[in-house]
Amino acid sequence: MASEDTNPTPSNASPARRDVTVRRAPKFVPFMILGAIVGAIVAAIIAFSRPADPEFDAPTVFGFFLVACAGGGVILFSILALILDRVSVKRAERAVVEAVPDSVPDEGPEHDGGR
């Protein structure tokens, strides 16, 4: 009786090799934090560079503009991160990854046999 090979991988391909996509993608949270910081700086410039108004003091104006400018900065920098992410997808490269077995055992306190 003949045995059938049920392995779906071709016989010439090693299971330790894989095709992967390599790209540099931006991290969104740092972009959003930077947008909030830039918005806060813009709000400070708006609030403290205007002439004095007896009805509204500078910290009150700063608080009002801080909400608007920080929110706008987060939105604008998030859009910038999305654009950079899209560009990184277009510049992605294909690579082949192959597992390499360790030829030398690990040394260190966690591998010393409890000494």
PDB file of N, CA and C in Angstrom:
ATOM      1  N   MET A   1       0.829  -1.165   0.000  1.00  0.00           N
ATOM      2  CA  MET A   1       0.000   0.000   0.000  1.00  0.00           C
ATOM      3  C   MET A   1       0.884   1.241   0.000  1.00  0.00           C
ATOM      4  N   ALA A   2       0.606   2.197  -0.871  1.00  0.00           N
ATOM      5  CA  ALA A   2       1.401   3.417  -0.989  1.00  0.00           C
ATOM      6  C   ALA A   2       0.906   4.451   0.019  1.00  0.00           C
ATOM      7  N   SER A   3       1.848   5.154   0.618  1.00  0.00           N
ATOM      8  CA  SER A   3       1.521   6.197   1.586  1.00  0.00           C
ATOM      9  C   SER A   3       1.450   7.532   0.862  1.00  0.00           C
ATOM     10  N   GLU A   4       0.384   8.283   1.099  1.00  0.00           N
ATOM     11  CA  GLU A   4       0.249   9.606   0.490  1.00  0.00           C
ATOM     12  C   GLU A   4       0.805  10.661   1.428  1.00  0.00           C
ATOM     13  N   ASP A   5       1.449  11.664   0.862  1.00  0.00           N
ATOM     14  CA  ASP A   5       1.988  12.773   1.633  1.00  0.00           C
ATOM     15  C   ASP A   5       0.879  13.809   1.798  1.00  0.00           C
ATOM     16  N   THR A   6       0.453  14.061   3.032  1.00  0.00           N
ATOM     17  CA  THR A   6      -0.618  15.042   3.288  1.00  0.00           C
ATOM     18  C   THR A   6      -0.071  16.401   3.666  1.00  0.00           C
ATOM     19  N   ASN A   7       1.226  16.593   3.588  1.00  0.00           N
ATOM     20  CA  ASN A   7       1.848  17.871   3.918  1.00  0.00           C
ATOM     21  C   ASN A   7       1.537  18.881   2.810  1.00  0.00           C
ATOM     22  N   PRO A   8       0.865  20.014   3.121  1.00  0.00           N
ATOM     23  CA  PRO A   8       0.496  20.976   2.077  1.00  0.00           C
ATOM     24  C   PRO A   8       1.672  21.788   1.550  1.00  0.00           C
ATOM     25  N   THR A   9       2.827  21.770   2.224  1.00  0.00           N
ATOM     26  CA  THR A   9       3.963  22.547   1.742  1.00  0.00           C
ATOM     27  C   THR A   9       4.713  21.759   0.696  1.00  0.00           C
ATOM     28  N   PRO A  10       5.284  22.435  -0.294  1.00  0.00           N
ATOM     29  CA  PRO A  10       6.061  21.736  -1.308  1.00  0.00           C
ATOM     30  C   PRO A  10       7.291  21.072  -0.685  1.00  0.00           C
ATOM     31  N   SER A  11       7.766  20.010  -1.311  1.00  0.00           N
ATOM     32  CA  SER A  11       8.874  19.256  -0.742  1.00  0.00           C
ATOM     33  C   SER A  11      10.189  20.032  -0.795  1.00  0.00           C
ATOM     34  N   ASN A  12      10.322  21.002  -1.709  1.00  0.00           N
ATOM     35  CA  ASN A  12      11.569  21.754  -1.802  1.00  0.00           C
ATOM     36  C   ASN A  12      11.600  22.961  -0.866  1.00  0.00           C
ATOM     37  N   ALA A  13      10.468  23.345  -0.263  1.00  0.00           N
ATOM     38  CA  ALA A  13      10.423  24.494   0.644  1.00  0.00           C
ATOM     39  C   ALA A  13      10.607  24.019   2.079  1.00  0.00           C
ATOM     40  N   SER A  14      11.468  24.686   2.791  1.00  0.00           N
ATOM     41  CA  SER A  14      11.713  24.354   4.181  1.00  0.00           C
ATOM     42  C   SER A  14      10.672  25.051   5.049  1.00  0.00           C
ATOM     43  N   PRO A  15      10.135  24.381   6.073  1.00  0.00           N
ATOM     44  CA  PRO A  15       9.136  25.043   6.923  1.00  0.00           C
ATOM     45  C   PRO A  15       9.734  26.166   7.766  1.00  0.00           C
ATOM     46  N   ALA A  16      11.070  26.253   7.833  1.00  0.00           N
ATOM     47  CA  ALA A  16      11.705  27.307   8.620  1.00  0.00           C
ATOM     48  C   ALA A  16      11.885  28.596   7.825  1.00  0.00           C
ATOM     49  N   ARG A  17      11.521  28.607   6.555  1.00  0.00           N
ATOM     50  CA  ARG A  17      11.639  29.806   5.713  1.00  0.00           C
ATOM     51  C   ARG A  17      10.264  30.421   5.518  1.00  0.00           C
ATOM     52  N   ARG A  18      10.204  31.760   5.617  1.00  0.00           N
ATOM     53  CA  ARG A  18       8.943  32.461   5.407  1.00  0.00           C
ATOM     54  C   ARG A  18       9.201  33.747   4.640  1.00  0.00           C
ATOM     55  N   ASP A  19       8.235  34.146   3.851  1.00  0.00           N
ATOM     56  CA  ASP A  19       8.271  35.447   3.189  1.00  0.00           C
ATOM     57  C   ASP A  19       7.619  36.459   4.126  1.00  0.00           C
ATOM     58  N   VAL A  20       8.287  37.578   4.355  1.00  0.00           N
ATOM     59  CA  VAL A  20       7.746  38.631   5.215  1.00  0.00           C
ATOM     60  C   VAL A  20       7.840  39.973   4.495  1.00  0.00           C
ATOM     61  N   THR A  21       7.028  40.910   4.953  1.00  0.00           N
ATOM     62  CA  THR A  21       7.065  42.274   4.445  1.00  0.00           C
ATOM     63  C   THR A  21       7.736  43.151   5.492  1.00  0.00           C
ATOM     64  N   VAL A  22       8.727  43.919   5.061  1.00  0.00           N
ATOM     65  CA  VAL A  22       9.472  44.784   5.968  1.00  0.00           C
ATOM     66  C   VAL A  22       9.178  46.232   5.592  1.00  0.00           C
ATOM     67  N   ARG A  23       8.744  47.021   6.595  1.00  0.00           N
ATOM     68  CA  ARG A  23       8.488  48.435   6.346  1.00  0.00           C
ATOM     69  C   ARG A  23       8.652  49.204   7.643  1.00  0.00           C
ATOM     70  N   ARG A  24       8.903  50.489   7.509  1.00  0.00           N
ATOM     71  CA  ARG A  24       9.019  51.380   8.665  1.00  0.00           C
ATOM     72  C   ARG A  24       7.697  52.117   8.809  1.00  0.00           C
ATOM     73  N   ALA A  25       6.955  51.784   9.841  1.00  0.00           N
ATOM     74  CA  ALA A  25       5.656  52.411  10.072  1.00  0.00           C
ATOM     75  C   ALA A  25       5.747  53.364  11.265  1.00  0.00           C
ATOM     76  N   PRO A  26       5.081  54.499  11.180  1.00  0.00           N
ATOM     77  CA  PRO A  26       5.121  55.441  12.305  1.00  0.00           C
ATOM     78  C   PRO A  26       4.274  54.932  13.473  1.00  0.00           C
ATOM     79  N   LYS A  27       4.652  55.329  14.672  1.00  0.00           N
ATOM     80  CA  LYS A  27       3.854  55.030  15.858  1.00  0.00           C
ATOM     81  C   LYS A  27       2.893  56.194  16.056  1.00  0.00           C
ATOM     82  N   PHE A  28       1.614  55.893  16.210  1.00  0.00           N
ATOM     83  CA  PHE A  28       0.589  56.928  16.214  1.00  0.00           C
ATOM     84  C   PHE A  28       0.561  57.733  17.514  1.00  0.00           C
ATOM     85  N   VAL A  29       0.776  57.099  18.650  1.00  0.00           N
ATOM     86  CA  VAL A  29       0.678  57.808  19.931  1.00  0.00           C
ATOM     87  C   VAL A  29       1.706  58.938  20.040  1.00  0.00           C
ATOM     88  N   PRO A  30       2.981  58.725  19.680  1.00  0.00           N
ATOM     89  CA  PRO A  30       3.909  59.863  19.732  1.00  0.00           C
ATOM     90  C   PRO A  30       3.507  61.018  18.811  1.00  0.00           C
ATOM     91  N   PHE A  31       2.939  60.696  17.653  1.00  0.00           N
ATOM     92  CA  PHE A  31       2.464  61.759  16.759  1.00  0.00           C
ATOM     93  C   PHE A  31       1.328  62.541  17.417  1.00  0.00           C
ATOM     94  N   MET A  32       0.422  61.835  18.077  1.00  0.00           N
ATOM     95  CA  MET A  32      -0.706  62.506  18.728  1.00  0.00           C
ATOM     96  C   MET A  32      -0.240  63.371  19.905  1.00  0.00           C
ATOM     97  N   ILE A  33       0.718  62.862  20.669  1.00  0.00           N
ATOM     98  CA  ILE A  33       1.254  63.644  21.791  1.00  0.00           C
ATOM     99  C   ILE A  33       1.968  64.896  21.273  1.00  0.00           C
ATOM    100  N   LEU A  34       2.754  64.736  20.212  1.00  0.00           N
ATOM    101  CA  LEU A  34       3.433  65.880  19.620  1.00  0.00           C
ATOM    102  C   LEU A  34       2.426  66.905  19.101  1.00  0.00           C
ATOM    103  N   GLY A  35       1.335  66.442  18.513  1.00  0.00           N
ATOM    104  CA  GLY A  35       0.287  67.352  18.045  1.00  0.00           C
ATOM    105  C   GLY A  35      -0.339  68.127  19.181  1.00  0.00           C
ATOM    106  N   ALA A  36      -0.569  67.464  20.328  1.00  0.00           N
ATOM    107  CA  ALA A  36      -1.133  68.154  21.489  1.00  0.00           C
ATOM    108  C   ALA A  36      -0.157  69.193  22.039  1.00  0.00           C
ATOM    109  N   ILE A  37       1.137  68.852  22.036  1.00  0.00           N
ATOM    110  CA  ILE A  37       2.146  69.801  22.532  1.00  0.00           C
ATOM    111  C   ILE A  37       2.242  71.017  21.615  1.00  0.00           C
ATOM    112  N   VAL A  38       2.260  70.779  20.310  1.00  0.00           N
ATOM    113  CA  VAL A  38       2.305  71.896  19.357  1.00  0.00           C
ATOM    114  C   VAL A  38       1.048  72.755  19.500  1.00  0.00           C
ATOM    115  N   GLY A  39      -0.105  72.116  19.685  1.00  0.00           N
ATOM    116  CA  GLY A  39      -1.346  72.864  19.895  1.00  0.00           C
ATOM    117  C   GLY A  39      -1.311  73.696  21.158  1.00  0.00           C
ATOM    118  N   ALA A  40      -0.710  73.152  22.224  1.00  0.00           N
ATOM    119  CA  ALA A  40      -0.596  73.918  23.474  1.00  0.00           C
ATOM    120  C   ALA A  40       0.328  75.121  23.302  1.00  0.00           C
ATOM    121  N   ILE A  41       1.391  74.959  22.537  1.00  0.00           N
ATOM    122  CA  ILE A  41       2.300  76.084  22.278  1.00  0.00           C
ATOM    123  C   ILE A  41       1.590  77.171  21.476  1.00  0.00           C
ATOM    124  N   VAL A  42       0.828  76.763  20.473  1.00  0.00           N
ATOM    125  CA  VAL A  42       0.073  77.732  19.669  1.00  0.00           C
ATOM    126  C   VAL A  42      -0.955  78.451  20.548  1.00  0.00           C
ATOM    127  N   ALA A  43      -1.614  77.705  21.442  1.00  0.00           N
ATOM    128  CA  ALA A  43      -2.592  78.331  22.340  1.00  0.00           C
ATOM    129  C   ALA A  43      -1.921  79.338  23.263  1.00  0.00           C
ATOM    130  N   ALA A  44      -0.726  79.033  23.753  1.00  0.00           N
ATOM    131  CA  ALA A  44      -0.007  79.968  24.617  1.00  0.00           C
ATOM    132  C   ALA A  44       0.385  81.232  23.854  1.00  0.00           C
ATOM    133  N   ILE A  45       0.820  81.064  22.612  1.00  0.00           N
ATOM    134  CA  ILE A  45       1.180  82.225  21.795  1.00  0.00           C
ATOM    135  C   ILE A  45      -0.044  83.107  21.559  1.00  0.00           C
ATOM    136  N   ILE A  46      -1.178  82.487  21.260  1.00  0.00           N
ATOM    137  CA  ILE A  46      -2.403  83.262  21.025  1.00  0.00           C
ATOM    138  C   ILE A  46      -2.837  83.984  22.301  1.00  0.00           C
ATOM    139  N   ALA A  47      -2.795  83.294  23.427  1.00  0.00           N
ATOM    140  CA  ALA A  47      -3.323  83.866  24.672  1.00  0.00           C
ATOM    141  C   ALA A  47      -2.445  84.969  25.240  1.00  0.00           C
ATOM    142  N   PHE A  48      -1.135  84.774  25.201  1.00  0.00           N
ATOM    143  CA  PHE A  48      -0.256  85.720  25.894  1.00  0.00           C
ATOM    144  C   PHE A  48       0.335  86.791  24.977  1.00  0.00           C
ATOM    145  N   SER A  49       0.082  86.718  23.677  1.00  0.00           N
ATOM    146  CA  SER A  49       0.612  87.752  22.794  1.00  0.00           C
ATOM    147  C   SER A  49      -0.434  88.801  22.424  1.00  0.00           C
ATOM    148  N   ARG A  50      -1.647  88.608  22.834  1.00  0.00           N
ATOM    149  CA  ARG A  50      -2.699  89.569  22.488  1.00  0.00           C
ATOM    150  C   ARG A  50      -2.703  90.711  23.509  1.00  0.00           C
ATOM    151  N   PRO A  51      -3.266  91.840  23.144  1.00  0.00           N
ATOM    152  CA  PRO A  51      -3.338  92.953  24.093  1.00  0.00           C
ATOM    153  C   PRO A  51      -4.271  92.604  25.262  1.00  0.00           C
ATOM    154  N   ALA A  52      -4.014  93.193  26.386  1.00  0.00           N
ATOM    155  CA  ALA A  52      -4.802  92.922  27.594  1.00  0.00           C
ATOM    156  C   ALA A  52      -6.260  93.347  27.411  1.00  0.00           C
ATOM    157  N   ASP A  53      -7.143  92.498  27.899  1.00  0.00           N
ATOM    158  CA  ASP A  53      -8.572  92.757  27.817  1.00  0.00           C
ATOM    159  C   ASP A  53      -9.122  92.686  29.246  1.00  0.00           C
ATOM    160  N   PRO A  54      -9.817  93.724  29.708  1.00  0.00           N
ATOM    161  CA  PRO A  54     -10.303  93.696  31.097  1.00  0.00           C
ATOM    162  C   PRO A  54     -11.375  92.623  31.338  1.00  0.00           C
ATOM    163  N   GLU A  55     -12.041  92.193  30.306  1.00  0.00           N
ATOM    164  CA  GLU A  55     -13.102  91.207  30.480  1.00  0.00           C
ATOM    165  C   GLU A  55     -12.554  89.788  30.642  1.00  0.00           C
ATOM    166  N   PHE A  56     -11.477  89.443  29.910  1.00  0.00           N
ATOM    167  CA  PHE A  56     -10.903  88.096  29.975  1.00  0.00           C
ATOM    168  C   PHE A  56      -9.408  88.203  30.264  1.00  0.00           C
ATOM    169  N   ASP A  57      -8.950  87.518  31.299  1.00  0.00           N
ATOM    170  CA  ASP A  57      -7.515  87.534  31.572  1.00  0.00           C
ATOM    171  C   ASP A  57      -6.815  86.459  30.731  1.00  0.00           C
ATOM    172  N   ALA A  58      -5.500  86.536  30.662  1.00  0.00           N
ATOM    173  CA  ALA A  58      -4.717  85.662  29.774  1.00  0.00           C
ATOM    174  C   ALA A  58      -4.861  84.177  30.108  1.00  0.00           C
ATOM    175  N   PRO A  59      -4.850  83.741  31.383  1.00  0.00           N
ATOM    176  CA  PRO A  59      -5.019  82.306  31.658  1.00  0.00           C
ATOM    177  C   PRO A  59      -6.374  81.757  31.222  1.00  0.00           C
ATOM    178  N   THR A  60      -7.413  82.561  31.299  1.00  0.00           N
ATOM    179  CA  THR A  60      -8.730  82.115  30.837  1.00  0.00           C
ATOM    180  C   THR A  60      -8.735  81.919  29.330  1.00  0.00           C
ATOM    181  N   VAL A  61      -8.158  82.871  28.623  1.00  0.00           N
ATOM    182  CA  VAL A  61      -8.067  82.761  27.167  1.00  0.00           C
ATOM    183  C   VAL A  61      -7.191  81.568  26.786  1.00  0.00           C
ATOM    184  N   PHE A  62      -6.100  81.358  27.528  1.00  0.00           N
ATOM    185  CA  PHE A  62      -5.222  80.215  27.263  1.00  0.00           C
ATOM    186  C   PHE A  62      -5.980  78.894  27.434  1.00  0.00           C
ATOM    187  N   GLY A  63      -6.767  78.770  28.492  1.00  0.00           N
ATOM    188  CA  GLY A  63      -7.541  77.547  28.714  1.00  0.00           C
ATOM    189  C   GLY A  63      -8.523  77.280  27.592  1.00  0.00           C
ATOM    190  N   PHE A  64      -9.191  78.328  27.117  1.00  0.00           N
ATOM    191  CA  PHE A  64     -10.141  78.165  26.017  1.00  0.00           C
ATOM    192  C   PHE A  64      -9.428  77.715  24.743  1.00  0.00           C
ATOM    193  N   PHE A  65      -8.354  78.398  24.393  1.00  0.00           N
ATOM    194  CA  PHE A  65      -7.638  78.045  23.170  1.00  0.00           C
ATOM    195  C   PHE A  65      -6.866  76.738  23.304  1.00  0.00           C
ATOM    196  N   LEU A  66      -6.497  76.365  24.537  1.00  0.00           N
ATOM    197  CA  LEU A  66      -5.795  75.098  24.740  1.00  0.00           C
ATOM    198  C   LEU A  66      -6.662  73.928  24.298  1.00  0.00           C
ATOM    199  N   VAL A  67      -7.921  73.954  24.645  1.00  0.00           N
ATOM    200  CA  VAL A  67      -8.822  72.868  24.256  1.00  0.00           C
ATOM    201  C   VAL A  67      -8.939  72.794  22.735  1.00  0.00           C
ATOM    202  N   ALA A  68      -9.150  73.929  22.099  1.00  0.00           N
ATOM    203  CA  ALA A  68      -9.333  73.947  20.644  1.00  0.00           C
ATOM    204  C   ALA A  68      -8.043  73.613  19.902  1.00  0.00           C
ATOM    205  N   CYS A  69      -6.939  74.226  20.302  1.00  0.00           N
ATOM    206  CA  CYS A  69      -5.685  74.032  19.566  1.00  0.00           C
ATOM    207  C   CYS A  69      -5.067  72.662  19.820  1.00  0.00           C
ATOM    208  N   ALA A  70      -5.144  72.156  21.052  1.00  0.00           N
ATOM    209  CA  ALA A  70      -4.590  70.828  21.337  1.00  0.00           C
ATOM    210  C   ALA A  70      -5.388  69.761  20.600  1.00  0.00           C
ATOM    211  N   GLY A  71      -6.707  69.893  20.589  1.00  0.00           N
ATOM    212  CA  GLY A  71      -7.532  68.941  19.836  1.00  0.00           C
ATOM    213  C   GLY A  71      -7.248  68.994  18.347  1.00  0.00           C
ATOM    214  N   GLY A  72      -7.119  70.193  17.819  1.00  0.00           N
ATOM    215  CA  GLY A  72      -6.788  70.354  16.403  1.00  0.00           C
ATOM    216  C   GLY A  72      -5.412  69.804  16.078  1.00  0.00           C
ATOM    217  N   GLY A  73      -4.446  70.007  16.979  1.00  0.00           N
ATOM    218  CA  GLY A  73      -3.101  69.466  16.768  1.00  0.00           C
ATOM    219  C   GLY A  73      -3.093  67.949  16.755  1.00  0.00           C
ATOM    220  N   VAL A  74      -3.850  67.347  17.661  1.00  0.00           N
ATOM    221  CA  VAL A  74      -3.938  65.878  17.689  1.00  0.00           C
ATOM    222  C   VAL A  74      -4.534  65.368  16.384  1.00  0.00           C
ATOM    223  N   ILE A  75      -5.569  66.007  15.900  1.00  0.00           N
ATOM    224  CA  ILE A  75      -6.211  65.573  14.649  1.00  0.00           C
ATOM    225  C   ILE A  75      -5.254  65.745  13.468  1.00  0.00           C
ATOM    226  N   LEU A  76      -4.599  66.903  13.366  1.00  0.00           N
ATOM    227  CA  LEU A  76      -3.696  67.147  12.236  1.00  0.00           C
ATOM    228  C   LEU A  76      -2.502  66.194  12.241  1.00  0.00           C
ATOM    229  N   PHE A  77      -1.915  65.956  13.417  1.00  0.00           N
ATOM    230  CA  PHE A  77      -0.760  65.068  13.477  1.00  0.00           C
ATOM    231  C   PHE A  77      -1.165  63.605  13.295  1.00  0.00           C
ATOM    232  N   SER A  78      -2.395  63.250  13.661  1.00  0.00           N
ATOM    233  CA  SER A  78      -2.890  61.899  13.380  1.00  0.00           C
ATOM    234  C   SER A  78      -3.052  61.691  11.878  1.00  0.00           C
ATOM    235  N   ILE A  79      -3.537  62.709  11.189  1.00  0.00           N
ATOM    236  CA  ILE A  79      -3.660  62.628   9.732  1.00  0.00           C
ATOM    237  C   ILE A  79      -2.276  62.511   9.093  1.00  0.00           C
ATOM    238  N   LEU A  80      -1.302  63.257   9.624  1.00  0.00           N
ATOM    239  CA  LEU A  80       0.072  63.157   9.133  1.00  0.00           C
ATOM    240  C   LEU A  80       0.625  61.742   9.336  1.00  0.00           C
ATOM    241  N   ALA A  81       0.350  61.134  10.495  1.00  0.00           N
ATOM    242  CA  ALA A  81       0.804  59.758  10.748  1.00  0.00           C
ATOM    243  C   ALA A  81       0.136  58.780   9.788  1.00  0.00           C
ATOM    244  N   LEU A  82      -1.134  58.986   9.482  1.00  0.00           N
ATOM    245  CA  LEU A  82      -1.824  58.126   8.513  1.00  0.00           C
ATOM    246  C   LEU A  82      -1.212  58.250   7.121  1.00  0.00           C
ATOM    247  N   ILE A  83      -0.869  59.462   6.729  1.00  0.00           N
ATOM    248  CA  ILE A  83      -0.236  59.670   5.422  1.00  0.00           C
ATOM    249  C   ILE A  83       1.126  58.988   5.375  1.00  0.00           C
ATOM    250  N   LEU A  84       1.924  59.155   6.431  1.00  0.00           N
ATOM    251  CA  LEU A  84       3.234  58.502   6.471  1.00  0.00           C
ATOM    252  C   LEU A  84       3.105  56.976   6.503  1.00  0.00           C
ATOM    253  N   ASP A  85       2.062  56.475   7.165  1.00  0.00           N
ATOM    254  CA  ASP A  85       1.827  55.032   7.175  1.00  0.00           C
ATOM    255  C   ASP A  85       1.495  54.531   5.776  1.00  0.00           C
ATOM    256  N   ARG A  86       0.693  55.277   5.047  1.00  0.00           N
ATOM    257  CA  ARG A  86       0.335  54.885   3.672  1.00  0.00           C
ATOM    258  C   ARG A  86       1.566  54.891   2.774  1.00  0.00           C
ATOM    259  N   VAL A  87       2.444  55.881   2.954  1.00  0.00           N
ATOM    260  CA  VAL A  87       3.682  55.951   2.172  1.00  0.00           C
ATOM    261  C   VAL A  87       4.578  54.765   2.507  1.00  0.00           C
ATOM    262  N   SER A  88       4.632  54.375   3.780  1.00  0.00           N
ATOM    263  CA  SER A  88       5.480  53.241   4.164  1.00  0.00           C
ATOM    264  C   SER A  88       4.955  51.929   3.601  1.00  0.00           C
ATOM    265  N   VAL A  89       3.651  51.810   3.408  1.00  0.00           N
ATOM    266  CA  VAL A  89       3.095  50.601   2.786  1.00  0.00           C
ATOM    267  C   VAL A  89       3.552  50.514   1.332  1.00  0.00           C
ATOM    268  N   LYS A  90       3.589  51.646   0.651  1.00  0.00           N
ATOM    269  CA  LYS A  90       4.011  51.654  -0.754  1.00  0.00           C
ATOM    270  C   LYS A  90       5.499  51.355  -0.892  1.00  0.00           C
ATOM    271  N   ARG A  91       6.294  51.685   0.131  1.00  0.00           N
ATOM    272  CA  ARG A  91       7.743  51.456   0.082  1.00  0.00           C
ATOM    273  C   ARG A  91       8.156  50.148   0.756  1.00  0.00           C
ATOM    274  N   ALA A  92       7.211  49.306   1.098  1.00  0.00           N
ATOM    275  CA  ALA A  92       7.519  48.057   1.787  1.00  0.00           C
ATOM    276  C   ALA A  92       8.325  47.136   0.879  1.00  0.00           C
ATOM    277  N   GLU A  93       9.204  46.364   1.499  1.00  0.00           N
ATOM    278  CA  GLU A  93      10.036  45.422   0.752  1.00  0.00           C
ATOM    279  C   GLU A  93       9.758  44.011   1.230  1.00  0.00           C
ATOM    280  N   ARG A  94       9.903  43.059   0.323  1.00  0.00           N
ATOM    281  CA  ARG A  94       9.719  41.647   0.650  1.00  0.00           C
ATOM    282  C   ARG A  94      11.065  41.060   1.043  1.00  0.00           C
ATOM    283  N   ALA A  95      11.043  40.147   2.013  1.00  0.00           N
ATOM    284  CA  ALA A  95      12.268  39.490   2.452  1.00  0.00           C
ATOM    285  C   ALA A  95      11.940  38.045   2.815  1.00  0.00           C
ATOM    286  N   VAL A  96      12.947  37.202   2.792  1.00  0.00           N
ATOM    287  CA  VAL A  96      12.797  35.808   3.187  1.00  0.00           C
ATOM    288  C   VAL A  96      13.501  35.638   4.526  1.00  0.00           C
ATOM    289  N   VAL A  97      12.781  35.086   5.485  1.00  0.00           N
ATOM    290  CA  VAL A  97      13.327  34.875   6.814  1.00  0.00           C
ATOM    291  C   VAL A  97      13.542  33.385   7.000  1.00  0.00           C
ATOM    292  N   GLU A  98      14.705  33.031   7.532  1.00  0.00           N
ATOM    293  CA  GLU A  98      15.028  31.628   7.749  1.00  0.00           C
ATOM    294  C   GLU A  98      15.487  31.450   9.187  1.00  0.00           C
ATOM    295  N   ALA A  99      14.952  30.444   9.867  1.00  0.00           N
ATOM    296  CA  ALA A  99      15.336  30.168  11.249  1.00  0.00           C
ATOM    297  C   ALA A  99      16.732  29.571  11.273  1.00  0.00           C
ATOM    298  N   VAL A 100      17.539  30.045  12.217  1.00  0.00           N
ATOM    299  CA  VAL A 100      18.898  29.541  12.377  1.00  0.00           C
ATOM    300  C   VAL A 100      18.981  28.891  13.757  1.00  0.00           C
ATOM    301  N   PRO A 101      19.316  27.611  13.820  1.00  0.00           N
ATOM    302  CA  PRO A 101      19.400  26.961  15.134  1.00  0.00           C
ATOM    303  C   PRO A 101      20.602  27.482  15.918  1.00  0.00           C
ATOM    304  N   ASP A 102      20.474  27.508  17.230  1.00  0.00           N
ATOM    305  CA  ASP A 102      21.577  27.936  18.093  1.00  0.00           C
ATOM    306  C   ASP A 102      22.657  26.877  18.090  1.00  0.00           C
ATOM    307  N   SER A 103      23.884  27.289  17.816  1.00  0.00           N
ATOM    308  CA  SER A 103      24.987  26.340  17.841  1.00  0.00           C
ATOM    309  C   SER A 103      25.676  26.338  19.190  1.00  0.00           C
ATOM    310  N   VAL A 104      25.511  27.439  19.947  1.00  0.00           N
ATOM    311  CA  VAL A 104      26.126  27.543  21.270  1.00  0.00           C
ATOM    312  C   VAL A 104      25.003  27.739  22.282  1.00  0.00           C
ATOM    313  N   PRO A 105      24.963  26.928  23.347  1.00  0.00           N
ATOM    314  CA  PRO A 105      23.896  27.122  24.341  1.00  0.00           C
ATOM    315  C   PRO A 105      24.055  28.461  25.058  1.00  0.00           C
ATOM    316  N   ASP A 106      22.934  28.992  25.508  1.00  0.00           N
ATOM    317  CA  ASP A 106      22.946  30.268  26.223  1.00  0.00           C
ATOM    318  C   ASP A 106      23.685  30.134  27.541  1.00  0.00           C
ATOM    319  N   GLU A 107      24.446  31.156  27.885  1.00  0.00           N
ATOM    320  CA  GLU A 107      25.170  31.206  29.153  1.00  0.00           C
ATOM    321  C   GLU A 107      24.548  32.303  29.995  1.00  0.00           C
ATOM    322  N   GLY A 108      24.540  32.148  31.263  1.00  0.00           N
ATOM    323  CA  GLY A 108      24.021  33.184  32.128  1.00  0.00           C
ATOM    324  C   GLY A 108      23.461  32.610  33.402  1.00  0.00           C
ATOM    325  N   PRO A 109      23.009  33.481  34.329  1.00  0.00           N
ATOM    326  CA  PRO A 109      22.532  33.009  35.621  1.00  0.00           C
ATOM    327  C   PRO A 109      21.264  32.166  35.528  1.00  0.00           C
ATOM    328  N   GLU A 110      20.444  32.417  34.510  1.00  0.00           N
ATOM    329  CA  GLU A 110      19.220  31.614  34.399  1.00  0.00           C
ATOM    330  C   GLU A 110      19.479  30.229  33.829  1.00  0.00           C
ATOM    331  N   HIS A 111      20.667  29.987  33.275  1.00  0.00           N
ATOM    332  CA  HIS A 111      21.014  28.700  32.696  1.00  0.00           C
ATOM    333  C   HIS A 111      22.164  28.020  33.432  1.00  0.00           C
ATOM    334  N   ASP A 112      22.424  28.383  34.681  1.00  0.00           N
ATOM    335  CA  ASP A 112      23.573  27.812  35.381  1.00  0.00           C
ATOM    336  C   ASP A 112      23.224  26.568  36.203  1.00  0.00           C
ATOM    337  N   GLY A 113      22.029  26.048  36.072  1.00  0.00           N
ATOM    338  CA  GLY A 113      21.653  24.828  36.767  1.00  0.00           C
ATOM    339  C   GLY A 113      21.373  25.039  38.241  1.00  0.00           C
ATOM    340  N   GLY A 114      21.036  26.228  38.646  1.00  0.00           N
ATOM    341  CA  GLY A 114      20.669  26.501  40.033  1.00  0.00           C
ATOM    342  C   GLY A 114      21.854  26.682  40.962  1.00  0.00           C
ATOM    343  N   ARG A 115      23.000  27.024  40.442  1.00  0.00           N
ATOM    344  CA  ARG A 115      24.181  27.236  41.297  1.00  0.00           C
ATOM    345  C   ARG A 115      24.067  28.484  42.097  1.00  0.00           C
TER     346      ARG A 115
END
